[in-house]
Amino acid sequence: MVRAGVTSDGKKTPMIFVEEGVKIDQAMHLHLLSEGVVPWVQREYPTALLLFQQDGAPSHTTKLDQSFCTDMFADFGPKTCGLPPPQI
């Protein structure tokens, strides 16, 4: 499995490779966030307020994951949040 992300301004997170057969459970997902995603975000956007959004994968919806993301990201978006309405 490969974990990667792209920001709205075109920056790309480093790819994180997970060996075949490794289950991405709550513990593994929190490890990927805390050791890979969060340090990159803090380095690339030290003062920016960011919206961080995940899909509804089981490891993304645990109470611990939701709490971690709420604490780490100024604006943690639910999986149902969409794009803002177009400007007319």
C-alpha atoms as a PDB file:
ATOM      1  CA  MET A   1       0.000   0.000   0.000  1.00  0.00           C
ATOM      2  CA  VAL A   2       1.150   3.524  -0.698  1.00  0.00           C
ATOM      3  CA  ARG A   3       0.020   6.532   1.319  1.00  0.00           C
ATOM      4  CA  ALA A   4       0.287   9.907  -0.393  1.00  0.00           C
ATOM      5  CA  GLY A   5      -1.495  13.246  -0.401  1.00  0.00           C
ATOM      6  CA  VAL A   6      -1.834  16.308  -2.572  1.00  0.00           C
ATOM      7  CA  THR A   7      -2.646  19.789  -1.309  1.00  0.00           C
ATOM      8  CA  SER A   8      -4.789  22.386  -3.039  1.00  0.00           C
ATOM      9  CA  ASP A   9      -1.679  24.402  -3.918  1.00  0.00           C
ATOM     10  CA  GLY A  10      -0.090  21.398  -5.628  1.00  0.00           C
ATOM     11  CA  LYS A  11       2.387  20.271  -2.980  1.00  0.00           C
ATOM     12  CA  LYS A  12       2.690  16.517  -2.642  1.00  0.00           C
ATOM     13  CA  THR A  13       3.378  14.657   0.564  1.00  0.00           C
ATOM     14  CA  PRO A  14       6.162  12.100   0.521  1.00  0.00           C
ATOM     15  CA  MET A  15       4.913   8.636  -0.401  1.00  0.00           C
ATOM     16  CA  ILE A  16       4.861   6.194   2.489  1.00  0.00           C
ATOM     17  CA  PHE A  17       5.119   2.551   1.492  1.00  0.00           C
ATOM     18  CA  VAL A  18       3.555  -0.131   3.674  1.00  0.00           C
ATOM     19  CA  GLU A  19       4.606  -3.722   3.112  1.00  0.00           C
ATOM     20  CA  GLU A  20       2.163  -6.104   1.486  1.00  0.00           C
ATOM     21  CA  GLY A  21       0.002  -7.886   4.027  1.00  0.00           C
ATOM     22  CA  VAL A  22       0.245  -5.196   6.717  1.00  0.00           C
ATOM     23  CA  LYS A  23      -3.230  -4.308   7.974  1.00  0.00           C
ATOM     24  CA  ILE A  24      -3.928  -0.578   8.194  1.00  0.00           C
ATOM     25  CA  ASP A  25      -5.725  -0.678  11.505  1.00  0.00           C
ATOM     26  CA  GLN A  26      -6.180   2.155  13.997  1.00  0.00           C
ATOM     27  CA  ALA A  27      -2.662   1.826  15.433  1.00  0.00           C
ATOM     28  CA  MET A  28      -0.954   1.707  12.025  1.00  0.00           C
ATOM     29  CA  HIS A  29      -2.995   4.626  10.700  1.00  0.00           C
ATOM     30  CA  LEU A  30      -2.161   6.791  13.719  1.00  0.00           C
ATOM     31  CA  HIS A  31       1.502   5.857  13.269  1.00  0.00           C
ATOM     32  CA  LEU A  32       1.389   6.949   9.601  1.00  0.00           C
ATOM     33  CA  LEU A  33      -0.240  10.242  10.571  1.00  0.00           C
ATOM     34  CA  SER A  34       2.001  11.045  13.537  1.00  0.00           C
ATOM     35  CA  GLU A  35       5.295   9.955  11.950  1.00  0.00           C
ATOM     36  CA  GLY A  36       4.685  10.961   8.337  1.00  0.00           C
ATOM     37  CA  VAL A  37       1.806  13.329   7.678  1.00  0.00           C
ATOM     38  CA  VAL A  38       1.917  15.648  10.700  1.00  0.00           C
ATOM     39  CA  PRO A  39       5.679  16.395  10.548  1.00  0.00           C
ATOM     40  CA  TRP A  40       5.395  17.138   6.812  1.00  0.00           C
ATOM     41  CA  VAL A  41       2.409  19.463   7.352  1.00  0.00           C
ATOM     42  CA  GLN A  42       4.211  21.287  10.164  1.00  0.00           C
ATOM     43  CA  ARG A  43       7.309  21.723   7.985  1.00  0.00           C
ATOM     44  CA  GLU A  44       5.497  22.820   4.807  1.00  0.00           C
ATOM     45  CA  TYR A  45       2.767  24.942   6.416  1.00  0.00           C
ATOM     46  CA  PRO A  46       4.109  26.118   9.793  1.00  0.00           C
ATOM     47  CA  THR A  47       1.618  28.964  10.243  1.00  0.00           C
ATOM     48  CA  ALA A  48      -1.254  28.087   7.906  1.00  0.00           C
ATOM     49  CA  LEU A  49      -4.704  26.986   8.968  1.00  0.00           C
ATOM     50  CA  LEU A  50      -5.447  23.841   6.995  1.00  0.00           C
ATOM     51  CA  LEU A  51      -8.468  21.690   6.295  1.00  0.00           C
ATOM     52  CA  PHE A  52      -7.565  18.020   6.689  1.00  0.00           C
ATOM     53  CA  GLN A  53     -10.066  15.556   5.266  1.00  0.00           C
ATOM     54  CA  GLN A  54     -10.186  11.766   5.156  1.00  0.00           C
ATOM     55  CA  ASP A  55     -12.569   9.269   3.621  1.00  0.00           C
ATOM     56  CA  GLY A  56     -14.658   6.775   5.548  1.00  0.00           C
ATOM     57  CA  ALA A  57     -12.096   3.953   5.738  1.00  0.00           C
ATOM     58  CA  PRO A  58     -12.508   2.044   9.021  1.00  0.00           C
ATOM     59  CA  SER A  59      -9.135   3.209  10.374  1.00  0.00           C
ATOM     60  CA  HIS A  60     -10.135   6.829   9.672  1.00  0.00           C
ATOM     61  CA  THR A  61     -13.389   6.693  11.611  1.00  0.00           C
ATOM     62  CA  THR A  62     -12.291   5.398  15.010  1.00  0.00           C
ATOM     63  CA  LYS A  63     -12.840   7.693  17.975  1.00  0.00           C
ATOM     64  CA  LEU A  64      -9.092   7.810  18.629  1.00  0.00           C
ATOM     65  CA  ASP A  65      -8.330   8.801  15.016  1.00  0.00           C
ATOM     66  CA  GLN A  66     -11.043  11.461  15.001  1.00  0.00           C
ATOM     67  CA  SER A  67      -9.763  12.865  18.300  1.00  0.00           C
ATOM     68  CA  PHE A  68      -6.137  12.856  17.068  1.00  0.00           C
ATOM     69  CA  CYS A  69      -7.052  14.698  13.860  1.00  0.00           C
ATOM     70  CA  THR A  70      -9.222  17.211  15.701  1.00  0.00           C
ATOM     71  CA  ASP A  71      -6.301  17.969  18.032  1.00  0.00           C
ATOM     72  CA  MET A  72      -3.635  18.126  15.297  1.00  0.00           C
ATOM     73  CA  PHE A  73      -5.406  20.050  12.536  1.00  0.00           C
ATOM     74  CA  ALA A  74      -7.070  23.444  12.973  1.00  0.00           C
ATOM     75  CA  ASP A  75      -9.898  22.469  10.622  1.00  0.00           C
ATOM     76  CA  PHE A  76     -10.594  18.749  10.459  1.00  0.00           C
ATOM     77  CA  GLY A  77     -13.308  18.136   7.899  1.00  0.00           C
ATOM     78  CA  PRO A  78     -15.835  15.339   8.070  1.00  0.00           C
ATOM     79  CA  LYS A  79     -15.885  12.883   5.189  1.00  0.00           C
ATOM     80  CA  THR A  80     -19.136  14.458   4.006  1.00  0.00           C
ATOM     81  CA  CYS A  81     -17.867  18.019   3.647  1.00  0.00           C
ATOM     82  CA  GLY A  82     -17.736  19.171   0.067  1.00  0.00           C
ATOM     83  CA  LEU A  83     -16.304  21.969  -1.966  1.00  0.00           C
ATOM     84  CA  PRO A  84     -17.481  25.501  -1.242  1.00  0.00           C
ATOM     85  CA  PRO A  85     -20.211  26.834  -3.530  1.00  0.00           C
ATOM     86  CA  PRO A  86     -18.927  28.469  -6.718  1.00  0.00           C
ATOM     87  CA  GLN A  87     -18.569  32.236  -6.700  1.00  0.00           C
ATOM     88  CA  ILE A  88     -21.026  33.870  -9.063  1.00  0.00           C
END
